[in-house]
Amino acid sequence: MAGHVPYPLFHVLRGLIRGGGQPLLVCPDAPSNVAAVGWQSPEGAFDELWLANLSTEPVRLAIQGVAIRAAALLDAHTDLEDMAWMDHLTAAGAPMPLPAFGVLRLVLE
């Protein structure tokens, strides 16, 4: 943590830990400059897909074959002091914008 503000990686790891032990989802539609990891949630919960833009340029994501329920974005404008930032989900649709070095949490139907 930088002082009392967590690094952006805190928000990503806090979210990814929920997927531990769950069956993985693959995302063959992700561009080569976007890292993707996701999991199938237990019955009654929603699957999640996390995408990270590894480049200096924004990308527009169009993921085929899934319905997006909600999303949260971690980017240069994120309030890093809010420990639950990636839990503040908003309605989302495709295509999804992903800023340079941004991380996107998608909750899937």
PDB file of N, CA and C in Angstrom:
ATOM      1  N   MET A   1       0.840  -1.183   0.000  1.00  0.00           N
ATOM      2  CA  MET A   1       0.000   0.000   0.000  1.00  0.00           C
ATOM      3  C   MET A   1       0.877   1.235   0.000  1.00  0.00           C
ATOM      4  N   ALA A   2       0.464   2.209  -0.758  1.00  0.00           N
ATOM      5  CA  ALA A   2       1.159   3.493  -0.809  1.00  0.00           C
ATOM      6  C   ALA A   2       0.532   4.385   0.254  1.00  0.00           C
ATOM      7  N   GLY A   3       1.167   4.489   1.414  1.00  0.00           N
ATOM      8  CA  GLY A   3       0.529   5.202   2.511  1.00  0.00           C
ATOM      9  C   GLY A   3      -0.655   4.382   2.977  1.00  0.00           C
ATOM     10  N   HIS A   4      -1.847   4.943   2.893  1.00  0.00           N
ATOM     11  CA  HIS A   4      -3.066   4.221   3.279  1.00  0.00           C
ATOM     12  C   HIS A   4      -3.934   3.897   2.072  1.00  0.00           C
ATOM     13  N   VAL A   5      -3.395   4.089   0.882  1.00  0.00           N
ATOM     14  CA  VAL A   5      -4.143   3.803  -0.345  1.00  0.00           C
ATOM     15  C   VAL A   5      -3.572   2.535  -0.978  1.00  0.00           C
ATOM     16  N   PRO A   6      -4.398   1.512  -1.209  1.00  0.00           N
ATOM     17  CA  PRO A   6      -3.866   0.281  -1.801  1.00  0.00           C
ATOM     18  C   PRO A   6      -3.467   0.490  -3.260  1.00  0.00           C
ATOM     19  N   TYR A   7      -2.487  -0.281  -3.691  1.00  0.00           N
ATOM     20  CA  TYR A   7      -2.105  -0.269  -5.095  1.00  0.00           C
ATOM     21  C   TYR A   7      -3.246  -0.864  -5.926  1.00  0.00           C
ATOM     22  N   PRO A   8      -3.326  -0.535  -7.211  1.00  0.00           N
ATOM     23  CA  PRO A   8      -4.393  -1.105  -8.047  1.00  0.00           C
ATOM     24  C   PRO A   8      -4.417  -2.634  -8.030  1.00  0.00           C
ATOM     25  N   LEU A   9      -3.259  -3.252  -7.906  1.00  0.00           N
ATOM     26  CA  LEU A   9      -3.202  -4.708  -7.883  1.00  0.00           C
ATOM     27  C   LEU A   9      -4.036  -5.290  -6.741  1.00  0.00           C
ATOM     28  N   PHE A  10      -4.160  -4.577  -5.632  1.00  0.00           N
ATOM     29  CA  PHE A  10      -4.990  -5.040  -4.518  1.00  0.00           C
ATOM     30  C   PHE A  10      -6.404  -5.336  -4.991  1.00  0.00           C
ATOM     31  N   HIS A  11      -6.982  -4.423  -5.764  1.00  0.00           N
ATOM     32  CA  HIS A  11      -8.367  -4.566  -6.216  1.00  0.00           C
ATOM     33  C   HIS A  11      -8.527  -5.785  -7.131  1.00  0.00           C
ATOM     34  N   VAL A  12      -7.523  -6.031  -7.962  1.00  0.00           N
ATOM     35  CA  VAL A  12      -7.584  -7.178  -8.873  1.00  0.00           C
ATOM     36  C   VAL A  12      -7.465  -8.482  -8.082  1.00  0.00           C
ATOM     37  N   LEU A  13      -6.475  -8.567  -7.222  1.00  0.00           N
ATOM     38  CA  LEU A  13      -6.284  -9.801  -6.448  1.00  0.00           C
ATOM     39  C   LEU A  13      -7.459 -10.073  -5.524  1.00  0.00           C
ATOM     40  N   ARG A  14      -8.020  -9.040  -4.944  1.00  0.00           N
ATOM     41  CA  ARG A  14      -9.187  -9.190  -4.067  1.00  0.00           C
ATOM     42  C   ARG A  14     -10.340  -9.834  -4.836  1.00  0.00           C
ATOM     43  N   GLY A  15     -10.499  -9.465  -6.095  1.00  0.00           N
ATOM     44  CA  GLY A  15     -11.567 -10.036  -6.902  1.00  0.00           C
ATOM     45  C   GLY A  15     -11.249 -11.432  -7.400  1.00  0.00           C
ATOM     46  N   LEU A  16     -10.015 -11.649  -7.846  1.00  0.00           N
ATOM     47  CA  LEU A  16      -9.653 -12.942  -8.412  1.00  0.00           C
ATOM     48  C   LEU A  16      -9.656 -14.062  -7.377  1.00  0.00           C
ATOM     49  N   ILE A  17      -9.432 -13.735  -6.133  1.00  0.00           N
ATOM     50  CA  ILE A  17      -9.395 -14.762  -5.091  1.00  0.00           C
ATOM     51  C   ILE A  17     -10.729 -15.507  -5.001  1.00  0.00           C
ATOM     52  N   ARG A  18     -11.814 -14.841  -5.389  1.00  0.00           N
ATOM     53  CA  ARG A  18     -13.138 -15.498  -5.356  1.00  0.00           C
ATOM     54  C   ARG A  18     -13.223 -16.677  -6.312  1.00  0.00           C
ATOM     55  N   GLY A  19     -12.389 -16.672  -7.333  1.00  0.00           N
ATOM     56  CA  GLY A  19     -12.437 -17.740  -8.324  1.00  0.00           C
ATOM     57  C   GLY A  19     -11.625 -18.967  -7.955  1.00  0.00           C
ATOM     58  N   GLY A  20     -10.940 -18.927  -6.823  1.00  0.00           N
ATOM     59  CA  GLY A  20     -10.111 -20.058  -6.422  1.00  0.00           C
ATOM     60  C   GLY A  20     -10.908 -21.350  -6.326  1.00  0.00           C
ATOM     61  N   GLY A  21     -10.409 -22.396  -6.970  1.00  0.00           N
ATOM     62  CA  GLY A  21     -11.049 -23.700  -6.908  1.00  0.00           C
ATOM     63  C   GLY A  21     -12.231 -23.883  -7.842  1.00  0.00           C
ATOM     64  N   GLN A  22     -12.595 -22.842  -8.585  1.00  0.00           N
ATOM     65  CA  GLN A  22     -13.742 -22.931  -9.503  1.00  0.00           C
ATOM     66  C   GLN A  22     -13.270 -23.353 -10.896  1.00  0.00           C
ATOM     67  N   PRO A  23     -14.129 -23.986 -11.692  1.00  0.00           N
ATOM     68  CA  PRO A  23     -13.762 -24.333 -13.070  1.00  0.00           C
ATOM     69  C   PRO A  23     -13.477 -23.074 -13.885  1.00  0.00           C
ATOM     70  N   LEU A  24     -12.406 -23.104 -14.661  1.00  0.00           N
ATOM     71  CA  LEU A  24     -11.995 -21.954 -15.452  1.00  0.00           C
ATOM     72  C   LEU A  24     -12.889 -21.733 -16.669  1.00  0.00           C
ATOM     73  N   LEU A  25     -13.032 -20.464 -17.038  1.00  0.00           N
ATOM     74  CA  LEU A  25     -13.656 -20.084 -18.300  1.00  0.00           C
ATOM     75  C   LEU A  25     -12.539 -19.684 -19.251  1.00  0.00           C
ATOM     76  N   VAL A  26     -12.705 -19.975 -20.510  1.00  0.00           N
ATOM     77  CA  VAL A  26     -11.758 -19.514 -21.517  1.00  0.00           C
ATOM     78  C   VAL A  26     -12.413 -18.414 -22.327  1.00  0.00           C
ATOM     79  N   CYS A  27     -11.596 -17.534 -22.858  1.00  0.00           N
ATOM     80  CA  CYS A  27     -12.101 -16.415 -23.653  1.00  0.00           C
ATOM     81  C   CYS A  27     -11.303 -16.346 -24.955  1.00  0.00           C
ATOM     82  N   PRO A  28     -11.661 -17.178 -25.937  1.00  0.00           N
ATOM     83  CA  PRO A  28     -10.902 -17.200 -27.193  1.00  0.00           C
ATOM     84  C   PRO A  28     -11.039 -15.915 -28.005  1.00  0.00           C
ATOM     85  N   ASP A  29     -12.039 -15.075 -27.692  1.00  0.00           N
ATOM     86  CA  ASP A  29     -12.250 -13.837 -28.443  1.00  0.00           C
ATOM     87  C   ASP A  29     -11.354 -12.692 -27.982  1.00  0.00           C
ATOM     88  N   ALA A  30     -10.623 -12.861 -26.877  1.00  0.00           N
ATOM     89  CA  ALA A  30      -9.806 -11.772 -26.342  1.00  0.00           C
ATOM     90  C   ALA A  30      -8.653 -11.474 -27.301  1.00  0.00           C
ATOM     91  N   PRO A  31      -8.430 -10.190 -27.604  1.00  0.00           N
ATOM     92  CA  PRO A  31      -7.289  -9.826 -28.453  1.00  0.00           C
ATOM     93  C   PRO A  31      -5.970 -10.225 -27.790  1.00  0.00           C
ATOM     94  N   SER A  32      -4.904 -10.290 -28.565  1.00  0.00           N
ATOM     95  CA  SER A  32      -3.612 -10.729 -28.037  1.00  0.00           C
ATOM     96  C   SER A  32      -3.048  -9.789 -26.980  1.00  0.00           C
ATOM     97  N   ASN A  33      -3.479  -8.528 -26.970  1.00  0.00           N
ATOM     98  CA  ASN A  33      -2.978  -7.572 -25.981  1.00  0.00           C
ATOM     99  C   ASN A  33      -3.883  -7.480 -24.747  1.00  0.00           C
ATOM    100  N   VAL A  34      -4.820  -8.423 -24.606  1.00  0.00           N
ATOM    101  CA  VAL A  34      -5.724  -8.454 -23.457  1.00  0.00           C
ATOM    102  C   VAL A  34      -5.595  -9.809 -22.766  1.00  0.00           C
ATOM    103  N   ALA A  35      -5.282  -9.774 -21.469  1.00  0.00           N
ATOM    104  CA  ALA A  35      -5.236 -10.994 -20.666  1.00  0.00           C
ATOM    105  C   ALA A  35      -6.633 -11.253 -20.125  1.00  0.00           C
ATOM    106  N   ALA A  36      -7.042 -12.510 -20.122  1.00  0.00           N
ATOM    107  CA  ALA A  36      -8.386 -12.864 -19.658  1.00  0.00           C
ATOM    108  C   ALA A  36      -8.314 -14.068 -18.735  1.00  0.00           C
ATOM    109  N   VAL A  37      -9.052 -13.979 -17.639  1.00  0.00           N
ATOM    110  CA  VAL A  37      -9.204 -15.111 -16.726  1.00  0.00           C
ATOM    111  C   VAL A  37     -10.622 -15.060 -16.174  1.00  0.00           C
ATOM    112  N   GLY A  38     -11.237 -16.206 -16.083  1.00  0.00           N
ATOM    113  CA  GLY A  38     -12.607 -16.251 -15.578  1.00  0.00           C
ATOM    114  C   GLY A  38     -12.895 -17.602 -14.973  1.00  0.00           C
ATOM    115  N   TRP A  39     -14.068 -17.699 -14.367  1.00  0.00           N
ATOM    116  CA  TRP A  39     -14.455 -18.956 -13.731  1.00  0.00           C
ATOM    117  C   TRP A  39     -15.961 -19.121 -13.755  1.00  0.00           C
ATOM    118  N   GLN A  40     -16.333 -20.384 -13.657  1.00  0.00           N
ATOM    119  CA  GLN A  40     -17.738 -20.748 -13.529  1.00  0.00           C
ATOM    120  C   GLN A  40     -18.045 -20.787 -12.044  1.00  0.00           C
ATOM    121  N   SER A  41     -19.036 -20.032 -11.639  1.00  0.00           N
ATOM    122  CA  SER A  41     -19.394 -19.946 -10.227  1.00  0.00           C
ATOM    123  C   SER A  41     -20.305 -21.105  -9.833  1.00  0.00           C
ATOM    124  N   PRO A  42     -20.378 -21.383  -8.527  1.00  0.00           N
ATOM    125  CA  PRO A  42     -21.275 -22.445  -8.063  1.00  0.00           C
ATOM    126  C   PRO A  42     -22.724 -22.123  -8.429  1.00  0.00           C
ATOM    127  N   GLU A  43     -23.558 -23.137  -8.409  1.00  0.00           N
ATOM    128  CA  GLU A  43     -24.981 -22.975  -8.734  1.00  0.00           C
ATOM    129  C   GLU A  43     -25.589 -21.814  -7.952  1.00  0.00           C
ATOM    130  N   GLY A  44     -26.334 -20.976  -8.635  1.00  0.00           N
ATOM    131  CA  GLY A  44     -26.991 -19.848  -7.990  1.00  0.00           C
ATOM    132  C   GLY A  44     -26.185 -18.561  -8.024  1.00  0.00           C
ATOM    133  N   ALA A  45     -24.934 -18.645  -8.458  1.00  0.00           N
ATOM    134  CA  ALA A  45     -24.097 -17.447  -8.571  1.00  0.00           C
ATOM    135  C   ALA A  45     -23.804 -17.201 -10.053  1.00  0.00           C
ATOM    136  N   PHE A  46     -23.257 -16.032 -10.339  1.00  0.00           N
ATOM    137  CA  PHE A  46     -22.965 -15.670 -11.726  1.00  0.00           C
ATOM    138  C   PHE A  46     -21.490 -15.912 -12.039  1.00  0.00           C
ATOM    139  N   ASP A  47     -21.215 -16.372 -13.268  1.00  0.00           N
ATOM    140  CA  ASP A  47     -19.839 -16.540 -13.715  1.00  0.00           C
ATOM    141  C   ASP A  47     -19.177 -15.174 -13.811  1.00  0.00           C
ATOM    142  N   GLU A  48     -17.845 -15.168 -13.708  1.00  0.00           N
ATOM    143  CA  GLU A  48     -17.093 -13.914 -13.817  1.00  0.00           C
ATOM    144  C   GLU A  48     -15.988 -14.060 -14.840  1.00  0.00           C
ATOM    145  N   LEU A  49     -15.690 -12.943 -15.510  1.00  0.00           N
ATOM    146  CA  LEU A  49     -14.581 -12.864 -16.452  1.00  0.00           C
ATOM    147  C   LEU A  49     -13.852 -11.560 -16.185  1.00  0.00           C
ATOM    148  N   TRP A  50     -12.541 -11.641 -15.986  1.00  0.00           N
ATOM    149  CA  TRP A  50     -11.701 -10.472 -15.734  1.00  0.00           C
ATOM    150  C   TRP A  50     -10.783 -10.294 -16.933  1.00  0.00           C
ATOM    151  N   LEU A  51     -10.717  -9.064 -17.441  1.00  0.00           N
ATOM    152  CA  LEU A  51      -9.911  -8.760 -18.616  1.00  0.00           C
ATOM    153  C   LEU A  51      -8.980  -7.593 -18.297  1.00  0.00           C
ATOM    154  N   ALA A  52      -7.722  -7.707 -18.704  1.00  0.00           N
ATOM    155  CA  ALA A  52      -6.737  -6.650 -18.473  1.00  0.00           C
ATOM    156  C   ALA A  52      -6.119  -6.245 -19.794  1.00  0.00           C
ATOM    157  N   ASN A  53      -6.162  -4.959 -20.076  1.00  0.00           N
ATOM    158  CA  ASN A  53      -5.530  -4.414 -21.271  1.00  0.00           C
ATOM    159  C   ASN A  53      -4.041  -4.242 -20.962  1.00  0.00           C
ATOM    160  N   LEU A  54      -3.204  -4.975 -21.641  1.00  0.00           N
ATOM    161  CA  LEU A  54      -1.766  -4.952 -21.400  1.00  0.00           C
ATOM    162  C   LEU A  54      -1.037  -3.946 -22.268  1.00  0.00           C
ATOM    163  N   SER A  55      -1.772  -3.117 -22.988  1.00  0.00           N
ATOM    164  CA  SER A  55      -1.146  -2.195 -23.932  1.00  0.00           C
ATOM    165  C   SER A  55      -1.377  -0.728 -23.547  1.00  0.00           C
ATOM    166  N   THR A  56      -0.701   0.134 -24.260  1.00  0.00           N
ATOM    167  CA  THR A  56      -0.825   1.580 -24.037  1.00  0.00           C
ATOM    168  C   THR A  56      -1.982   2.191 -24.806  1.00  0.00           C
ATOM    169  N   GLU A  57      -2.692   1.372 -25.568  1.00  0.00           N
ATOM    170  CA  GLU A  57      -3.813   1.849 -26.379  1.00  0.00           C
ATOM    171  C   GLU A  57      -5.126   1.259 -25.862  1.00  0.00           C
ATOM    172  N   PRO A  58      -6.211   2.040 -25.886  1.00  0.00           N
ATOM    173  CA  PRO A  58      -7.516   1.477 -25.502  1.00  0.00           C
ATOM    174  C   PRO A  58      -7.977   0.439 -26.526  1.00  0.00           C
ATOM    175  N   VAL A  59      -8.806  -0.495 -26.074  1.00  0.00           N
ATOM    176  CA  VAL A  59      -9.387  -1.500 -26.965  1.00  0.00           C
ATOM    177  C   VAL A  59     -10.891  -1.557 -26.740  1.00  0.00           C
ATOM    178  N   ARG A  60     -11.606  -2.020 -27.761  1.00  0.00           N
ATOM    179  CA  ARG A  60     -13.043  -2.263 -27.642  1.00  0.00           C
ATOM    180  C   ARG A  60     -13.228  -3.770 -27.702  1.00  0.00           C
ATOM    181  N   LEU A  61     -13.870  -4.298 -26.681  1.00  0.00           N
ATOM    182  CA  LEU A  61     -14.055  -5.740 -26.576  1.00  0.00           C
ATOM    183  C   LEU A  61     -15.447  -6.134 -27.023  1.00  0.00           C
ATOM    184  N   ALA A  62     -15.521  -7.123 -27.870  1.00  0.00           N
ATOM    185  CA  ALA A  62     -16.797  -7.712 -28.283  1.00  0.00           C
ATOM    186  C   ALA A  62     -16.668  -9.199 -28.021  1.00  0.00           C
ATOM    187  N   ILE A  63     -17.219  -9.658 -26.914  1.00  0.00           N
ATOM    188  CA  ILE A  63     -17.098 -11.051 -26.513  1.00  0.00           C
ATOM    189  C   ILE A  63     -18.337 -11.795 -26.993  1.00  0.00           C
ATOM    190  N   GLN A  64     -18.110 -12.823 -27.765  1.00  0.00           N
ATOM    191  CA  GLN A  64     -19.205 -13.566 -28.391  1.00  0.00           C
ATOM    192  C   GLN A  64     -19.714 -14.661 -27.463  1.00  0.00           C
ATOM    193  N   GLY A  65     -21.004 -14.925 -27.539  1.00  0.00           N
ATOM    194  CA  GLY A  65     -21.583 -16.080 -26.875  1.00  0.00           C
ATOM    195  C   GLY A  65     -21.848 -15.939 -25.390  1.00  0.00           C
ATOM    196  N   VAL A  66     -21.745 -14.727 -24.836  1.00  0.00           N
ATOM    197  CA  VAL A  66     -22.052 -14.528 -23.420  1.00  0.00           C
ATOM    198  C   VAL A  66     -22.951 -13.306 -23.265  1.00  0.00           C
ATOM    199  N   ALA A  67     -23.754 -13.336 -22.233  1.00  0.00           N
ATOM    200  CA  ALA A  67     -24.577 -12.182 -21.889  1.00  0.00           C
ATOM    201  C   ALA A  67     -23.938 -11.522 -20.665  1.00  0.00           C
ATOM    202  N   ILE A  68     -23.665 -10.241 -20.785  1.00  0.00           N
ATOM    203  CA  ILE A  68     -23.020  -9.511 -19.698  1.00  0.00           C
ATOM    204  C   ILE A  68     -24.092  -8.919 -18.797  1.00  0.00           C
ATOM    205  N   ARG A  69     -24.038  -9.276 -17.539  1.00  0.00           N
ATOM    206  CA  ARG A  69     -25.002  -8.788 -16.554  1.00  0.00           C
ATOM    207  C   ARG A  69     -24.580  -7.435 -16.005  1.00  0.00           C
ATOM    208  N   ALA A  70     -23.298  -7.296 -15.655  1.00  0.00           N
ATOM    209  CA  ALA A  70     -22.797  -6.062 -15.050  1.00  0.00           C
ATOM    210  C   ALA A  70     -21.285  -6.024 -15.186  1.00  0.00           C
ATOM    211  N   ALA A  71     -20.716  -4.840 -14.930  1.00  0.00           N
ATOM    212  CA  ALA A  71     -19.274  -4.670 -15.062  1.00  0.00           C
ATOM    213  C   ALA A  71     -18.753  -3.657 -14.061  1.00  0.00           C
ATOM    214  N   ALA A  72     -17.461  -3.759 -13.797  1.00  0.00           N
ATOM    215  CA  ALA A  72     -16.743  -2.767 -13.000  1.00  0.00           C
ATOM    216  C   ALA A  72     -15.407  -2.534 -13.689  1.00  0.00           C
ATOM    217  N   LEU A  73     -14.952  -1.287 -13.702  1.00  0.00           N
ATOM    218  CA  LEU A  73     -13.734  -0.909 -14.410  1.00  0.00           C
ATOM    219  C   LEU A  73     -12.724  -0.309 -13.441  1.00  0.00           C
ATOM    220  N   LEU A  74     -11.497  -0.778 -13.536  1.00  0.00           N
ATOM    221  CA  LEU A  74     -10.370  -0.222 -12.795  1.00  0.00           C
ATOM    222  C   LEU A  74      -9.475   0.463 -13.816  1.00  0.00           C
ATOM    223  N   ASP A  75      -9.356   1.783 -13.701  1.00  0.00           N
ATOM    224  CA  ASP A  75      -8.520   2.528 -14.641  1.00  0.00           C
ATOM    225  C   ASP A  75      -7.873   3.701 -13.919  1.00  0.00           C
ATOM    226  N   ALA A  76      -7.323   4.632 -14.671  1.00  0.00           N
ATOM    227  CA  ALA A  76      -6.612   5.769 -14.089  1.00  0.00           C
ATOM    228  C   ALA A  76      -7.513   6.669 -13.255  1.00  0.00           C
ATOM    229  N   HIS A  77      -8.827   6.560 -13.396  1.00  0.00           N
ATOM    230  CA  HIS A  77      -9.767   7.423 -12.667  1.00  0.00           C
ATOM    231  C   HIS A  77     -10.397   6.729 -11.460  1.00  0.00           C
ATOM    232  N   THR A  78      -9.952   5.523 -11.154  1.00  0.00           N
ATOM    233  CA  THR A  78     -10.525   4.741 -10.059  1.00  0.00           C
ATOM    234  C   THR A  78     -10.192   5.356  -8.707  1.00  0.00           C
ATOM    235  N   ASP A  79     -11.168   5.329  -7.823  1.00  0.00           N
ATOM    236  CA  ASP A  79     -10.964   5.756  -6.434  1.00  0.00           C
ATOM    237  C   ASP A  79     -10.313   4.592  -5.691  1.00  0.00           C
ATOM    238  N   LEU A  80      -8.991   4.583  -5.644  1.00  0.00           N
ATOM    239  CA  LEU A  80      -8.260   3.468  -5.066  1.00  0.00           C
ATOM    240  C   LEU A  80      -8.494   3.313  -3.570  1.00  0.00           C
ATOM    241  N   GLU A  81      -8.942   4.369  -2.907  1.00  0.00           N
ATOM    242  CA  GLU A  81      -9.190   4.286  -1.466  1.00  0.00           C
ATOM    243  C   GLU A  81     -10.423   3.449  -1.148  1.00  0.00           C
ATOM    244  N   ASP A  82     -11.313   3.286  -2.102  1.00  0.00           N
ATOM    245  CA  ASP A  82     -12.514   2.483  -1.913  1.00  0.00           C
ATOM    246  C   ASP A  82     -12.139   1.009  -2.068  1.00  0.00           C
ATOM    247  N   MET A  83     -11.997   0.321  -0.947  1.00  0.00           N
ATOM    248  CA  MET A  83     -11.532  -1.069  -0.957  1.00  0.00           C
ATOM    249  C   MET A  83     -12.458  -2.001  -1.744  1.00  0.00           C
ATOM    250  N   ALA A  84     -13.711  -1.642  -1.902  1.00  0.00           N
ATOM    251  CA  ALA A  84     -14.682  -2.489  -2.599  1.00  0.00           C
ATOM    252  C   ALA A  84     -14.989  -1.957  -4.000  1.00  0.00           C
ATOM    253  N   TRP A  85     -14.073  -1.193  -4.587  1.00  0.00           N
ATOM    254  CA  TRP A  85     -14.321  -0.547  -5.883  1.00  0.00           C
ATOM    255  C   TRP A  85     -14.837  -1.523  -6.935  1.00  0.00           C
ATOM    256  N   MET A  86     -14.212  -2.687  -7.059  1.00  0.00           N
ATOM    257  CA  MET A  86     -14.587  -3.627  -8.108  1.00  0.00           C
ATOM    258  C   MET A  86     -15.898  -4.354  -7.803  1.00  0.00           C
ATOM    259  N   ASP A  87     -16.492  -4.086  -6.643  1.00  0.00           N
ATOM    260  CA  ASP A  87     -17.810  -4.627  -6.315  1.00  0.00           C
ATOM    261  C   ASP A  87     -18.929  -3.665  -6.705  1.00  0.00           C
ATOM    262  N   HIS A  88     -18.579  -2.445  -7.102  1.00  0.00           N
ATOM    263  CA  HIS A  88     -19.571  -1.451  -7.526  1.00  0.00           C
ATOM    264  C   HIS A  88     -19.879  -1.694  -9.002  1.00  0.00           C
ATOM    265  N   LEU A  89     -20.789  -2.591  -9.241  1.00  0.00           N
ATOM    266  CA  LEU A  89     -21.112  -3.008 -10.606  1.00  0.00           C
ATOM    267  C   LEU A  89     -22.141  -2.082 -11.235  1.00  0.00           C
ATOM    268  N   THR A  90     -22.011  -1.886 -12.535  1.00  0.00           N
ATOM    269  CA  THR A  90     -22.976  -1.102 -13.297  1.00  0.00           C
ATOM    270  C   THR A  90     -23.435  -1.938 -14.495  1.00  0.00           C
ATOM    271  N   ALA A  91     -24.578  -1.590 -15.029  1.00  0.00           N
ATOM    272  CA  ALA A  91     -25.081  -2.282 -16.215  1.00  0.00           C
ATOM    273  C   ALA A  91     -24.082  -2.108 -17.352  1.00  0.00           C
ATOM    274  N   ALA A  92     -23.969  -3.127 -18.174  1.00  0.00           N
ATOM    275  CA  ALA A  92     -22.986  -3.083 -19.251  1.00  0.00           C
ATOM    276  C   ALA A  92     -23.509  -3.834 -20.460  1.00  0.00           C
ATOM    277  N   GLY A  93     -22.953  -3.503 -21.595  1.00  0.00           N
ATOM    278  CA  GLY A  93     -23.290  -4.184 -22.838  1.00  0.00           C
ATOM    279  C   GLY A  93     -22.065  -4.261 -23.714  1.00  0.00           C
ATOM    280  N   ALA A  94     -22.192  -4.875 -24.851  1.00  0.00           N
ATOM    281  CA  ALA A  94     -21.058  -5.012 -25.756  1.00  0.00           C
ATOM    282  C   ALA A  94     -21.254  -4.081 -26.949  1.00  0.00           C
ATOM    283  N   PRO A  95     -20.207  -3.591 -27.575  1.00  0.00           N
ATOM    284  CA  PRO A  95     -18.813  -3.799 -27.194  1.00  0.00           C
ATOM    285  C   PRO A  95     -18.432  -2.957 -25.971  1.00  0.00           C
ATOM    286  N   MET A  96     -17.443  -3.456 -25.241  1.00  0.00           N
ATOM    287  CA  MET A  96     -17.003  -2.807 -24.004  1.00  0.00           C
ATOM    288  C   MET A  96     -15.700  -2.062 -24.248  1.00  0.00           C
ATOM    289  N   PRO A  97     -15.616  -0.800 -23.839  1.00  0.00           N
ATOM    290  CA  PRO A  97     -14.335  -0.101 -23.937  1.00  0.00           C
ATOM    291  C   PRO A  97     -13.423  -0.507 -22.781  1.00  0.00           C
ATOM    292  N   LEU A  98     -12.152  -0.676 -23.054  1.00  0.00           N
ATOM    293  CA  LEU A  98     -11.167  -1.008 -22.030  1.00  0.00           C
ATOM    294  C   LEU A  98      -9.965  -0.093 -22.231  1.00  0.00           C
ATOM    295  N   PRO A  99      -9.787   0.882 -21.320  1.00  0.00           N
ATOM    296  CA  PRO A  99      -8.693   1.842 -21.476  1.00  0.00           C
ATOM    297  C   PRO A  99      -7.321   1.175 -21.376  1.00  0.00           C
ATOM    298  N   ALA A 100      -6.302   1.889 -21.794  1.00  0.00           N
ATOM    299  CA  ALA A 100      -4.922   1.407 -21.671  1.00  0.00           C
ATOM    300  C   ALA A 100      -4.657   1.000 -20.224  1.00  0.00           C
ATOM    301  N   PHE A 101      -4.106  -0.171 -20.047  1.00  0.00           N
ATOM    302  CA  PHE A 101      -3.750  -0.751 -18.747  1.00  0.00           C
ATOM    303  C   PHE A 101      -4.943  -0.871 -17.796  1.00  0.00           C
ATOM    304  N   GLY A 102      -6.155  -0.828 -18.320  1.00  0.00           N
ATOM    305  CA  GLY A 102      -7.350  -0.965 -17.507  1.00  0.00           C
ATOM    306  C   GLY A 102      -7.683  -2.431 -17.244  1.00  0.00           C
ATOM    307  N   VAL A 103      -8.457  -2.650 -16.193  1.00  0.00           N
ATOM    308  CA  VAL A 103      -8.936  -3.990 -15.843  1.00  0.00           C
ATOM    309  C   VAL A 103     -10.460  -3.925 -15.757  1.00  0.00           C
ATOM    310  N   LEU A 104     -11.098  -4.901 -16.371  1.00  0.00           N
ATOM    311  CA  LEU A 104     -12.549  -4.945 -16.438  1.00  0.00           C
ATOM    312  C   LEU A 104     -13.041  -6.239 -15.795  1.00  0.00           C
ATOM    313  N   ARG A 105     -13.957  -6.111 -14.834  1.00  0.00           N
ATOM    314  CA  ARG A 105     -14.613  -7.276 -14.235  1.00  0.00           C
ATOM    315  C   ARG A 105     -15.988  -7.396 -14.873  1.00  0.00           C
ATOM    316  N   LEU A 106     -16.266  -8.537 -15.462  1.00  0.00           N
ATOM    317  CA  LEU A 106     -17.576  -8.783 -16.048  1.00  0.00           C
ATOM    318  C   LEU A 106     -18.284  -9.875 -15.261  1.00  0.00           C
ATOM    319  N   VAL A 107     -19.520  -9.626 -14.910  1.00  0.00           N
ATOM    320  CA  VAL A 107     -20.391 -10.628 -14.304  1.00  0.00           C
ATOM    321  C   VAL A 107     -21.308 -11.096 -15.432  1.00  0.00           C
ATOM    322  N   LEU A 108     -21.315 -12.388 -15.673  1.00  0.00           N
ATOM    323  CA  LEU A 108     -22.031 -12.951 -16.817  1.00  0.00           C
ATOM    324  C   LEU A 108     -23.328 -13.609 -16.397  1.00  0.00           C
ATOM    325  N   GLU A 109     -24.282 -13.615 -17.323  1.00  0.00           N
ATOM    326  CA  GLU A 109     -25.575 -14.294 -17.079  1.00  0.00           C
ATOM    327  C   GLU A 109     -25.366 -15.788 -17.103  1.00  0.00           C
TER     328      GLU A 109
END
